[in-house]
């Protein structure tokens, strides 16, 4: 009998791992695990900087994927998946946090490397183009974005994260090294449990990273211009917002929440508040997740020079104005 396979669909430079999706059945990166019938396959989605190859289509042998935690919390169906380092796959050696029934990837970590080849890496390009001050992460997950920023940038940068589900933070501390990260950067990382849309700091954020999904879809509130107006008011002068807006590859639990349409509505709401100062970066071949950025487009050469890792520079040239993006899309 043929071996069961886990097949992954990526998003291109960066992750989206889509929203990150790891679908255990089939992409914002997809890892498809096909269990024996009549079980329903689980999809894992992720965005990778690589182009898909025939090897990717073959997937990951099920023996190389291990579930190390699985339970339901008040807000989520939580799974922690580990991919063997021995498998021939871009996710080899990774640990993944999956939420929702579609199996969206909400956090990713590698044992032997810092960067994720996903949209988390795009988020890590924000600090050089914002003024000094605290960075808010709305939708903290298990801390993938926080880890990148804290490990790549100087101690002047502090992270204030918001996560609705305390069980997700518990999983981050237990399986993703979040406790160690908090100890190592105790004066730089502050985690809050609660509604991320109420996030605030007294002095205002220099930057806000938004990664808010529920039941496999960008939350409905982000299609409301008033929400973006409220977030804009919490920025310092020259502050910026960078947002995971999903895309066609995002499959929600509600079939009426089409990933492409939700992305369009989210970007439209942002443009009503930020005007022509909205830029979009799309991972993969155009069918993967997209990330949006507010503010004037920075000097690209200066931005690249200030990035701490050369691998991050390729993202800088990928931004296009929202108006141009909407015509292409």
C-alpha atoms as a PDB file:
ATOM      1  CA  UNK A   1       0.000   0.000   0.000  1.00  0.00           C
ATOM      2  CA  UNK A   2       1.323   3.440  -0.858  1.00  0.00           C
ATOM      3  CA  UNK A   3       2.699   5.488   2.031  1.00  0.00           C
ATOM      4  CA  UNK A   4       0.539   8.253   3.380  1.00  0.00           C
ATOM      5  CA  UNK A   5       1.899  11.629   2.336  1.00  0.00           C
ATOM      6  CA  UNK A   6       1.802  15.130   3.705  1.00  0.00           C
ATOM      7  CA  UNK A   7       1.863  17.557   0.839  1.00  0.00           C
ATOM      8  CA  UNK A   8       2.741  21.225   1.300  1.00  0.00           C
ATOM      9  CA  UNK A   9       1.687  24.228  -0.698  1.00  0.00           C
ATOM     10  CA  UNK A  10       3.787  27.305  -0.174  1.00  0.00           C
ATOM     11  CA  UNK A  11       3.573  30.923  -0.430  1.00  0.00           C
ATOM     12  CA  UNK A  12       6.537  32.583  -1.909  1.00  0.00           C
ATOM     13  CA  UNK A  13       9.011  34.787  -0.537  1.00  0.00           C
ATOM     14  CA  UNK A  14       7.737  35.033   2.410  1.00  0.00           C
ATOM     15  CA  UNK A  15       5.342  33.113   4.252  1.00  0.00           C
ATOM     16  CA  UNK A  16       2.701  33.748   4.165  1.00  0.00           C
ATOM     17  CA  UNK A  17       2.972  30.157   5.543  1.00  0.00           C
ATOM     18  CA  UNK A  18      -0.123  31.232   4.591  1.00  0.00           C
ATOM     19  CA  UNK A  19      -1.894  32.681   7.173  1.00  0.00           C
ATOM     20  CA  UNK A  20       0.077  30.252   7.412  1.00  0.00           C
ATOM     21  CA  UNK A  21      -1.651  27.268   6.501  1.00  0.00           C
ATOM     22  CA  UNK A  22      -0.706  23.861   7.231  1.00  0.00           C
ATOM     23  CA  UNK A  23      -3.581  21.956   5.946  1.00  0.00           C
ATOM     24  CA  UNK A  24      -3.663  18.418   6.971  1.00  0.00           C
ATOM     25  CA  UNK A  25      -5.947  17.509   3.542  1.00  0.00           C
ATOM     26  CA  UNK A  26      -4.680  20.520   1.068  1.00  0.00           C
ATOM     27  CA  UNK A  27      -2.336  26.311   1.051  1.00  0.00           C
ATOM     28  CA  UNK A  28      -1.467  30.435   3.115  1.00  0.00           C
ATOM     29  CA  UNK A  29       0.988  27.488   2.681  1.00  0.00           C
ATOM     30  CA  UNK A  30      -0.379  24.073   2.624  1.00  0.00           C
ATOM     31  CA  UNK A  31       0.740  20.921   4.171  1.00  0.00           C
ATOM     32  CA  UNK A  32      -1.662  18.207   3.235  1.00  0.00           C
ATOM     33  CA  UNK A  33      -1.783  15.137   5.336  1.00  0.00           C
ATOM     34  CA  UNK A  34      -3.801  12.397   3.766  1.00  0.00           C
ATOM     35  CA  UNK A  35      -4.783   9.936   6.465  1.00  0.00           C
ATOM     36  CA  UNK A  36      -6.323   6.615   5.723  1.00  0.00           C
ATOM     37  CA  UNK A  37      -9.905   6.788   4.525  1.00  0.00           C
ATOM     38  CA  UNK A  38     -12.494   7.600   5.594  1.00  0.00           C
ATOM     39  CA  UNK A  39     -10.726  10.202   7.713  1.00  0.00           C
ATOM     40  CA  UNK A  40     -10.845  13.780   6.551  1.00  0.00           C
ATOM     41  CA  UNK A  41      -7.458  15.084   5.435  1.00  0.00           C
ATOM     42  CA  UNK A  42      -5.878  17.925   7.376  1.00  0.00           C
ATOM     43  CA  UNK A  43      -4.363  20.807   5.428  1.00  0.00           C
ATOM     44  CA  UNK A  44      -1.367  22.801   6.503  1.00  0.00           C
ATOM     45  CA  UNK A  45      -0.624  25.988   4.663  1.00  0.00           C
ATOM     46  CA  UNK A  46       2.575  27.852   4.524  1.00  0.00           C
ATOM     47  CA  UNK A  47       4.356  30.287   2.246  1.00  0.00           C
ATOM     48  CA  UNK A  48       7.847  29.492   1.145  1.00  0.00           C
ATOM     49  CA  UNK A  49      10.431  31.414  -0.790  1.00  0.00           C
ATOM     50  CA  UNK A  50      11.034  28.388  -2.987  1.00  0.00           C
ATOM     51  CA  UNK A  51       9.328  27.551  -6.212  1.00  0.00           C
ATOM     52  CA  UNK A  52       7.348  24.359  -6.024  1.00  0.00           C
ATOM     53  CA  UNK A  53       9.050  21.309  -7.465  1.00  0.00           C
ATOM     54  CA  UNK A  54       7.977  17.810  -8.247  1.00  0.00           C
ATOM     55  CA  UNK A  55       9.503  16.815  -4.924  1.00  0.00           C
ATOM     56  CA  UNK A  56       7.151  19.228  -3.165  1.00  0.00           C
ATOM     57  CA  UNK A  57       4.205  17.665  -4.959  1.00  0.00           C
ATOM     58  CA  UNK A  58       5.271  14.295  -3.586  1.00  0.00           C
ATOM     59  CA  UNK A  59       4.801  15.703  -0.106  1.00  0.00           C
ATOM     60  CA  UNK A  60       6.245  14.677   3.224  1.00  0.00           C
ATOM     61  CA  UNK A  61       5.912  11.051   4.342  1.00  0.00           C
ATOM     62  CA  UNK A  62       3.446  10.885   7.211  1.00  0.00           C
ATOM     63  CA  UNK A  63       6.120   9.154   9.287  1.00  0.00           C
ATOM     64  CA  UNK A  64       8.098  12.421   9.179  1.00  0.00           C
ATOM     65  CA  UNK A  65       5.297  14.484  10.747  1.00  0.00           C
ATOM     66  CA  UNK A  66       4.448  14.131  14.416  1.00  0.00           C
ATOM     67  CA  UNK A  67       1.611  15.685  16.405  1.00  0.00           C
ATOM     68  CA  UNK A  68       2.987  16.600  19.826  1.00  0.00           C
ATOM     69  CA  UNK A  69      -0.071  18.405  21.215  1.00  0.00           C
ATOM     70  CA  UNK A  70      -3.753  18.551  20.275  1.00  0.00           C
ATOM     71  CA  UNK A  71      -6.671  19.984  22.244  1.00  0.00           C
ATOM     72  CA  UNK A  72      -9.555  22.432  22.164  1.00  0.00           C
ATOM     73  CA  UNK A  73      -9.469  25.676  24.089  1.00  0.00           C
ATOM     74  CA  UNK A  74     -12.265  28.185  24.550  1.00  0.00           C
ATOM     75  CA  UNK A  75     -11.282  29.932  21.323  1.00  0.00           C
ATOM     76  CA  UNK A  76      -9.360  27.455  19.166  1.00  0.00           C
ATOM     77  CA  UNK A  77      -8.719  23.912  18.064  1.00  0.00           C
ATOM     78  CA  UNK A  78      -4.988  23.815  18.832  1.00  0.00           C
ATOM     79  CA  UNK A  79      -2.415  21.468  17.330  1.00  0.00           C
ATOM     80  CA  UNK A  80       1.374  21.487  17.512  1.00  0.00           C
ATOM     81  CA  UNK A  81       3.052  19.639  14.648  1.00  0.00           C
ATOM     82  CA  UNK A  82       6.710  18.730  14.319  1.00  0.00           C
ATOM     83  CA  UNK A  83       8.368  17.962  10.975  1.00  0.00           C
ATOM     84  CA  UNK A  84      11.398  15.672  11.019  1.00  0.00           C
ATOM     85  CA  UNK A  85      14.781  17.184  10.224  1.00  0.00           C
ATOM     86  CA  UNK A  86      15.497  14.154   8.052  1.00  0.00           C
ATOM     87  CA  UNK A  87      12.747  14.787   5.529  1.00  0.00           C
ATOM     88  CA  UNK A  88      13.605  16.433   2.202  1.00  0.00           C
ATOM     89  CA  UNK A  89      11.336  19.430   2.513  1.00  0.00           C
ATOM     90  CA  UNK A  90      11.592  23.184   3.265  1.00  0.00           C
ATOM     91  CA  UNK A  91       9.721  22.628   6.529  1.00  0.00           C
ATOM     92  CA  UNK A  92      12.202  19.994   7.708  1.00  0.00           C
ATOM     93  CA  UNK A  93      13.104  20.579  11.334  1.00  0.00           C
ATOM     94  CA  UNK A  94      10.180  22.919  11.983  1.00  0.00           C
ATOM     95  CA  UNK A  95       7.585  23.044  14.711  1.00  0.00           C
ATOM     96  CA  UNK A  96       4.208  24.480  13.709  1.00  0.00           C
ATOM     97  CA  UNK A  97       1.249  25.850  15.626  1.00  0.00           C
ATOM     98  CA  UNK A  98      -2.042  25.095  13.861  1.00  0.00           C
ATOM     99  CA  UNK A  99      -5.311  26.742  14.821  1.00  0.00           C
ATOM    100  CA  UNK A 100      -8.863  26.382  13.531  1.00  0.00           C
ATOM    101  CA  UNK A 101     -10.334  23.389  11.766  1.00  0.00           C
ATOM    102  CA  UNK A 102      -8.704  24.301   8.424  1.00  0.00           C
ATOM    103  CA  UNK A 103      -5.343  23.893  10.174  1.00  0.00           C
ATOM    104  CA  UNK A 104      -3.931  27.392   9.640  1.00  0.00           C
ATOM    105  CA  UNK A 105      -0.330  27.838  10.673  1.00  0.00           C
ATOM    106  CA  UNK A 106      -0.124  30.604  13.253  1.00  0.00           C
ATOM    107  CA  UNK A 107       3.473  30.155  14.355  1.00  0.00           C
ATOM    108  CA  UNK A 108       6.574  28.423  13.065  1.00  0.00           C
ATOM    109  CA  UNK A 109      10.001  27.820  14.516  1.00  0.00           C
ATOM    110  CA  UNK A 110      13.096  25.960  13.391  1.00  0.00           C
ATOM    111  CA  UNK A 111      15.574  24.318  15.686  1.00  0.00           C
ATOM    112  CA  UNK A 112      18.657  25.326  13.699  1.00  0.00           C
ATOM    113  CA  UNK A 113      17.774  28.643  12.047  1.00  0.00           C
ATOM    114  CA  UNK A 114      16.152  31.975  12.858  1.00  0.00           C
ATOM    115  CA  UNK A 115      14.419  32.997   9.623  1.00  0.00           C
ATOM    116  CA  UNK A 116      11.259  31.185   8.566  1.00  0.00           C
ATOM    117  CA  UNK A 117      11.047  31.791   4.791  1.00  0.00           C
ATOM    118  CA  UNK A 118       7.540  33.063   5.416  1.00  0.00           C
ATOM    119  CA  UNK A 119       5.541  36.237   5.941  1.00  0.00           C
ATOM    120  CA  UNK A 120       6.942  36.364   9.473  1.00  0.00           C
ATOM    121  CA  UNK A 121      10.205  37.381   7.817  1.00  0.00           C
ATOM    122  CA  UNK A 122       8.379  40.202   6.018  1.00  0.00           C
ATOM    123  CA  UNK A 123       7.122  41.427   9.390  1.00  0.00           C
ATOM    124  CA  UNK A 124      10.746  41.447  10.562  1.00  0.00           C
ATOM    125  CA  UNK A 125      11.611  44.099   7.954  1.00  0.00           C
ATOM    126  CA  UNK A 126       9.456  46.746   9.680  1.00  0.00           C
ATOM    127  CA  UNK A 127      11.788  48.115  12.425  1.00  0.00           C
ATOM    128  CA  UNK A 128      14.208  49.990  10.107  1.00  0.00           C
ATOM    129  CA  UNK A 129      11.414  52.117   8.604  1.00  0.00           C
ATOM    130  CA  UNK A 130       9.643  53.264  11.770  1.00  0.00           C
ATOM    131  CA  UNK A 131      10.601  55.797  14.463  1.00  0.00           C
ATOM    132  CA  UNK A 132      12.032  54.651  17.801  1.00  0.00           C
ATOM    133  CA  UNK A 133       9.454  53.236  20.181  1.00  0.00           C
ATOM    134  CA  UNK A 134       7.397  50.169  21.049  1.00  0.00           C
ATOM    135  CA  UNK A 135       6.095  47.760  18.429  1.00  0.00           C
ATOM    136  CA  UNK A 136       2.670  46.183  18.885  1.00  0.00           C
ATOM    137  CA  UNK A 137       1.942  42.661  17.656  1.00  0.00           C
ATOM    138  CA  UNK A 138      -1.795  42.091  17.358  1.00  0.00           C
ATOM    139  CA  UNK A 139      -2.290  38.352  17.086  1.00  0.00           C
ATOM    140  CA  UNK A 140       0.799  37.183  18.962  1.00  0.00           C
ATOM    141  CA  UNK A 141       0.409  33.439  18.410  1.00  0.00           C
ATOM    142  CA  UNK A 142       3.319  31.485  19.874  1.00  0.00           C
ATOM    143  CA  UNK A 143       5.715  34.367  19.278  1.00  0.00           C
ATOM    144  CA  UNK A 144       7.279  33.797  15.846  1.00  0.00           C
ATOM    145  CA  UNK A 145       7.320  37.485  14.890  1.00  0.00           C
ATOM    146  CA  UNK A 146       8.465  38.598  18.335  1.00  0.00           C
ATOM    147  CA  UNK A 147      11.351  36.129  18.276  1.00  0.00           C
ATOM    148  CA  UNK A 148      12.622  37.402  14.939  1.00  0.00           C
ATOM    149  CA  UNK A 149      12.540  41.043  15.968  1.00  0.00           C
ATOM    150  CA  UNK A 150      14.056  40.493  19.413  1.00  0.00           C
ATOM    151  CA  UNK A 151      16.861  38.313  18.077  1.00  0.00           C
ATOM    152  CA  UNK A 152      17.674  40.419  15.005  1.00  0.00           C
ATOM    153  CA  UNK A 153      17.451  43.972  16.349  1.00  0.00           C
ATOM    154  CA  UNK A 154      19.116  45.972  19.153  1.00  0.00           C
ATOM    155  CA  UNK A 155      17.739  46.159  22.713  1.00  0.00           C
ATOM    156  CA  UNK A 156      16.136  49.553  22.163  1.00  0.00           C
ATOM    157  CA  UNK A 157      13.217  47.822  20.451  1.00  0.00           C
ATOM    158  CA  UNK A 158      10.452  46.522  22.729  1.00  0.00           C
ATOM    159  CA  UNK A 159       7.544  44.268  21.800  1.00  0.00           C
ATOM    160  CA  UNK A 160       4.018  44.522  23.210  1.00  0.00           C
ATOM    161  CA  UNK A 161       1.955  41.541  22.084  1.00  0.00           C
ATOM    162  CA  UNK A 162      -1.778  40.816  22.321  1.00  0.00           C
ATOM    163  CA  UNK A 163      -3.326  37.364  22.078  1.00  0.00           C
ATOM    164  CA  UNK A 164      -6.968  36.546  22.765  1.00  0.00           C
ATOM    165  CA  UNK A 165      -6.439  32.909  23.737  1.00  0.00           C
ATOM    166  CA  UNK A 166      -4.319  32.285  26.857  1.00  0.00           C
ATOM    167  CA  UNK A 167      -3.945  28.647  25.794  1.00  0.00           C
ATOM    168  CA  UNK A 168      -2.024  29.785  22.714  1.00  0.00           C
ATOM    169  CA  UNK A 169       0.460  31.619  24.948  1.00  0.00           C
ATOM    170  CA  UNK A 170       0.741  28.528  27.164  1.00  0.00           C
ATOM    171  CA  UNK A 171       1.550  26.442  24.089  1.00  0.00           C
ATOM    172  CA  UNK A 172       4.110  29.028  22.999  1.00  0.00           C
ATOM    173  CA  UNK A 173       5.848  28.774  26.355  1.00  0.00           C
ATOM    174  CA  UNK A 174       5.719  24.982  26.435  1.00  0.00           C
ATOM    175  CA  UNK A 175       6.615  24.102  22.837  1.00  0.00           C
ATOM    176  CA  UNK A 176       8.038  27.180  21.083  1.00  0.00           C
ATOM    177  CA  UNK A 177      10.583  28.520  23.555  1.00  0.00           C
ATOM    178  CA  UNK A 178       8.523  31.555  24.491  1.00  0.00           C
ATOM    179  CA  UNK A 179       9.423  31.242  28.186  1.00  0.00           C
ATOM    180  CA  UNK A 180      13.108  31.288  27.286  1.00  0.00           C
ATOM    181  CA  UNK A 181      12.559  34.290  25.035  1.00  0.00           C
ATOM    182  CA  UNK A 182      10.790  36.144  27.851  1.00  0.00           C
ATOM    183  CA  UNK A 183      13.634  35.411  30.268  1.00  0.00           C
ATOM    184  CA  UNK A 184      16.289  36.490  27.775  1.00  0.00           C
ATOM    185  CA  UNK A 185      14.481  39.740  26.915  1.00  0.00           C
ATOM    186  CA  UNK A 186      12.503  40.438  30.075  1.00  0.00           C
ATOM    187  CA  UNK A 187      12.643  44.219  29.583  1.00  0.00           C
ATOM    188  CA  UNK A 188      11.737  44.023  25.906  1.00  0.00           C
ATOM    189  CA  UNK A 189       8.714  41.738  25.631  1.00  0.00           C
ATOM    190  CA  UNK A 190       5.307  42.261  27.222  1.00  0.00           C
ATOM    191  CA  UNK A 191       2.437  39.864  26.524  1.00  0.00           C
ATOM    192  CA  UNK A 192      -1.188  40.835  27.071  1.00  0.00           C
ATOM    193  CA  UNK A 193      -4.191  38.506  27.042  1.00  0.00           C
ATOM    194  CA  UNK A 194      -7.263  40.116  25.546  1.00  0.00           C
ATOM    195  CA  UNK A 195      -8.837  41.722  22.492  1.00  0.00           C
ATOM    196  CA  UNK A 196      -6.002  42.914  20.257  1.00  0.00           C
ATOM    197  CA  UNK A 197      -8.161  45.682  18.810  1.00  0.00           C
ATOM    198  CA  UNK A 198      -8.032  47.346  22.230  1.00  0.00           C
ATOM    199  CA  UNK A 199      -4.227  47.333  22.252  1.00  0.00           C
ATOM    200  CA  UNK A 200      -2.557  50.567  23.315  1.00  0.00           C
ATOM    201  CA  UNK A 201       0.496  52.005  25.044  1.00  0.00           C
ATOM    202  CA  UNK A 202       0.666  55.427  26.683  1.00  0.00           C
ATOM    203  CA  UNK A 203       3.298  56.853  24.340  1.00  0.00           C
ATOM    204  CA  UNK A 204       1.835  55.351  21.149  1.00  0.00           C
ATOM    205  CA  UNK A 205       3.212  52.602  18.945  1.00  0.00           C
ATOM    206  CA  UNK A 206       6.027  53.260  16.526  1.00  0.00           C
ATOM    207  CA  UNK A 207       4.749  50.310  14.511  1.00  0.00           C
ATOM    208  CA  UNK A 208       1.894  47.818  14.647  1.00  0.00           C
ATOM    209  CA  UNK A 209       1.994  44.318  13.155  1.00  0.00           C
ATOM    210  CA  UNK A 210      -1.483  42.897  12.562  1.00  0.00           C
ATOM    211  CA  UNK A 211      -1.982  39.141  12.171  1.00  0.00           C
ATOM    212  CA  UNK A 212      -5.581  38.595  13.206  1.00  0.00           C
ATOM    213  CA  UNK A 213      -7.458  35.526  12.011  1.00  0.00           C
ATOM    214  CA  UNK A 214     -10.440  33.636  13.352  1.00  0.00           C
ATOM    215  CA  UNK A 215     -11.839  30.369  12.043  1.00  0.00           C
ATOM    216  CA  UNK A 216      -9.428  30.459   9.153  1.00  0.00           C
ATOM    217  CA  UNK A 217     -10.222  33.993   7.960  1.00  0.00           C
ATOM    218  CA  UNK A 218      -9.020  37.546   8.492  1.00  0.00           C
ATOM    219  CA  UNK A 219     -11.320  38.821  11.239  1.00  0.00           C
ATOM    220  CA  UNK A 220     -14.395  40.725  10.059  1.00  0.00           C
ATOM    221  CA  UNK A 221     -13.481  43.836  12.017  1.00  0.00           C
ATOM    222  CA  UNK A 222     -10.575  44.502   9.657  1.00  0.00           C
ATOM    223  CA  UNK A 223     -13.011  45.167   6.816  1.00  0.00           C
ATOM    224  CA  UNK A 224     -14.324  48.171   8.783  1.00  0.00           C
ATOM    225  CA  UNK A 225     -12.572  51.505   8.026  1.00  0.00           C
ATOM    226  CA  UNK A 226     -13.318  52.734  11.565  1.00  0.00           C
ATOM    227  CA  UNK A 227     -11.095  50.005  13.008  1.00  0.00           C
ATOM    228  CA  UNK A 228      -8.201  51.238  10.877  1.00  0.00           C
ATOM    229  CA  UNK A 229      -8.937  54.799  11.924  1.00  0.00           C
ATOM    230  CA  UNK A 230      -8.720  53.717  15.554  1.00  0.00           C
ATOM    231  CA  UNK A 231      -5.437  51.869  15.001  1.00  0.00           C
ATOM    232  CA  UNK A 232      -3.997  54.831  13.119  1.00  0.00           C
ATOM    233  CA  UNK A 233      -4.700  57.047  16.129  1.00  0.00           C
ATOM    234  CA  UNK A 234      -2.548  54.764  18.286  1.00  0.00           C
ATOM    235  CA  UNK A 235       0.556  55.343  16.179  1.00  0.00           C
ATOM    236  CA  UNK A 236       3.303  57.807  16.894  1.00  0.00           C
ATOM    237  CA  UNK A 237       4.158  60.412  14.277  1.00  0.00           C
ATOM    238  CA  UNK A 238       5.541  58.593  11.196  1.00  0.00           C
ATOM    239  CA  UNK A 239       4.483  55.254  12.652  1.00  0.00           C
ATOM    240  CA  UNK A 240       3.378  52.462  10.327  1.00  0.00           C
ATOM    241  CA  UNK A 241       1.116  49.414  10.275  1.00  0.00           C
ATOM    242  CA  UNK A 242       2.018  46.161   8.523  1.00  0.00           C
ATOM    243  CA  UNK A 243      -0.791  43.637   8.063  1.00  0.00           C
ATOM    244  CA  UNK A 244      -1.227  40.036   7.006  1.00  0.00           C
ATOM    245  CA  UNK A 245      -4.300  40.439   4.788  1.00  0.00           C
ATOM    246  CA  UNK A 246      -4.502  36.818   3.618  1.00  0.00           C
ATOM    247  CA  UNK A 247      -5.433  36.028   0.027  1.00  0.00           C
ATOM    248  CA  UNK A 248      -6.929  33.493  -2.363  1.00  0.00           C
ATOM    249  CA  UNK A 249      -5.057  30.671  -0.696  1.00  0.00           C
ATOM    250  CA  UNK A 250      -6.845  31.209   2.613  1.00  0.00           C
ATOM    251  CA  UNK A 251      -9.650  28.742   3.268  1.00  0.00           C
ATOM    252  CA  UNK A 252     -12.007  29.673   6.083  1.00  0.00           C
ATOM    253  CA  UNK A 253     -14.346  27.418   8.020  1.00  0.00           C
ATOM    254  CA  UNK A 254     -17.165  29.516   6.576  1.00  0.00           C
ATOM    255  CA  UNK A 255     -17.202  28.892   2.816  1.00  0.00           C
ATOM    256  CA  UNK A 256     -18.721  32.335   2.285  1.00  0.00           C
ATOM    257  CA  UNK A 257     -15.585  33.975   3.692  1.00  0.00           C
ATOM    258  CA  UNK A 258     -13.636  33.702   0.421  1.00  0.00           C
ATOM    259  CA  UNK A 259      -9.990  34.501   1.114  1.00  0.00           C
ATOM    260  CA  UNK A 260      -9.533  36.666  -1.960  1.00  0.00           C
ATOM    261  CA  UNK A 261     -12.666  38.711  -1.381  1.00  0.00           C
ATOM    262  CA  UNK A 262     -11.875  39.185   2.313  1.00  0.00           C
ATOM    263  CA  UNK A 263      -8.404  40.418   1.370  1.00  0.00           C
ATOM    264  CA  UNK A 264      -9.898  42.891  -1.125  1.00  0.00           C
ATOM    265  CA  UNK A 265     -12.362  44.217   1.445  1.00  0.00           C
ATOM    266  CA  UNK A 266      -9.615  44.555   4.046  1.00  0.00           C
ATOM    267  CA  UNK A 267      -7.371  46.505   1.686  1.00  0.00           C
ATOM    268  CA  UNK A 268     -10.267  48.678   0.573  1.00  0.00           C
ATOM    269  CA  UNK A 269     -11.043  49.561   4.194  1.00  0.00           C
ATOM    270  CA  UNK A 270      -7.385  50.443   4.776  1.00  0.00           C
ATOM    271  CA  UNK A 271      -7.248  52.636   1.675  1.00  0.00           C
ATOM    272  CA  UNK A 272     -10.263  54.615   2.902  1.00  0.00           C
ATOM    273  CA  UNK A 273      -8.197  55.622   5.932  1.00  0.00           C
ATOM    274  CA  UNK A 274      -4.644  55.790   4.574  1.00  0.00           C
ATOM    275  CA  UNK A 275      -5.451  56.921   1.022  1.00  0.00           C
ATOM    276  CA  UNK A 276      -2.675  56.237  -1.479  1.00  0.00           C
ATOM    277  CA  UNK A 277      -0.274  55.380   1.345  1.00  0.00           C
ATOM    278  CA  UNK A 278      -1.054  51.672   1.257  1.00  0.00           C
ATOM    279  CA  UNK A 279       1.377  49.226  -0.369  1.00  0.00           C
ATOM    280  CA  UNK A 280       0.988  45.498  -0.937  1.00  0.00           C
ATOM    281  CA  UNK A 281       3.458  42.629  -1.136  1.00  0.00           C
ATOM    282  CA  UNK A 282       2.270  39.260  -2.423  1.00  0.00           C
ATOM    283  CA  UNK A 283       4.089  36.048  -1.686  1.00  0.00           C
ATOM    284  CA  UNK A 284       4.495  33.225  -4.125  1.00  0.00           C
ATOM    285  CA  UNK A 285       3.180  33.397  -7.657  1.00  0.00           C
ATOM    286  CA  UNK A 286       0.345  35.793  -6.903  1.00  0.00           C
ATOM    287  CA  UNK A 287      -2.014  33.204  -5.481  1.00  0.00           C
ATOM    288  CA  UNK A 288      -0.499  33.217  -2.008  1.00  0.00           C
ATOM    289  CA  UNK A 289      -0.978  35.521   0.946  1.00  0.00           C
ATOM    290  CA  UNK A 290      -0.374  39.242   0.830  1.00  0.00           C
ATOM    291  CA  UNK A 291       0.979  41.728   3.352  1.00  0.00           C
ATOM    292  CA  UNK A 292       0.018  45.414   3.429  1.00  0.00           C
ATOM    293  CA  UNK A 293       2.067  48.396   4.629  1.00  0.00           C
ATOM    294  CA  UNK A 294       0.931  51.929   5.464  1.00  0.00           C
ATOM    295  CA  UNK A 295       2.813  55.190   5.055  1.00  0.00           C
ATOM    296  CA  UNK A 296       4.963  56.634   2.293  1.00  0.00           C
ATOM    297  CA  UNK A 297       7.096  54.090   0.477  1.00  0.00           C
ATOM    298  CA  UNK A 298      10.538  54.312   2.122  1.00  0.00           C
ATOM    299  CA  UNK A 299      13.849  54.809   0.328  1.00  0.00           C
ATOM    300  CA  UNK A 300      14.348  51.209  -0.773  1.00  0.00           C
ATOM    301  CA  UNK A 301      18.148  51.261  -0.856  1.00  0.00           C
ATOM    302  CA  UNK A 302      18.339  52.783   2.613  1.00  0.00           C
ATOM    303  CA  UNK A 303      15.820  50.233   3.872  1.00  0.00           C
ATOM    304  CA  UNK A 304      17.875  47.342   2.545  1.00  0.00           C
ATOM    305  CA  UNK A 305      21.073  48.638   4.111  1.00  0.00           C
ATOM    306  CA  UNK A 306      19.452  48.800   7.528  1.00  0.00           C
ATOM    307  CA  UNK A 307      18.146  45.256   7.496  1.00  0.00           C
ATOM    308  CA  UNK A 308      20.114  42.922   9.788  1.00  0.00           C
ATOM    309  CA  UNK A 309      20.124  39.939   7.398  1.00  0.00           C
ATOM    310  CA  UNK A 310      20.776  39.930   3.661  1.00  0.00           C
ATOM    311  CA  UNK A 311      18.035  37.330   3.150  1.00  0.00           C
ATOM    312  CA  UNK A 312      15.431  39.932   4.106  1.00  0.00           C
ATOM    313  CA  UNK A 313      16.396  42.381   1.362  1.00  0.00           C
ATOM    314  CA  UNK A 314      14.533  40.596  -1.417  1.00  0.00           C
ATOM    315  CA  UNK A 315      11.227  41.556   0.179  1.00  0.00           C
ATOM    316  CA  UNK A 316      11.921  45.277  -0.101  1.00  0.00           C
ATOM    317  CA  UNK A 317      11.550  45.350  -3.890  1.00  0.00           C
ATOM    318  CA  UNK A 318       8.251  43.451  -3.832  1.00  0.00           C
ATOM    319  CA  UNK A 319       6.002  46.266  -2.572  1.00  0.00           C
ATOM    320  CA  UNK A 320       3.592  47.900  -5.041  1.00  0.00           C
ATOM    321  CA  UNK A 321       0.936  50.607  -4.516  1.00  0.00           C
ATOM    322  CA  UNK A 322      -2.485  49.301  -3.566  1.00  0.00           C
ATOM    323  CA  UNK A 323      -4.061  50.989  -6.596  1.00  0.00           C
ATOM    324  CA  UNK A 324      -1.729  49.060  -8.895  1.00  0.00           C
ATOM    325  CA  UNK A 325      -2.316  45.871  -6.945  1.00  0.00           C
ATOM    326  CA  UNK A 326      -6.095  46.233  -7.213  1.00  0.00           C
ATOM    327  CA  UNK A 327      -5.824  46.511 -11.009  1.00  0.00           C
ATOM    328  CA  UNK A 328      -3.701  43.374 -11.230  1.00  0.00           C
ATOM    329  CA  UNK A 329      -5.857  41.415  -8.830  1.00  0.00           C
END
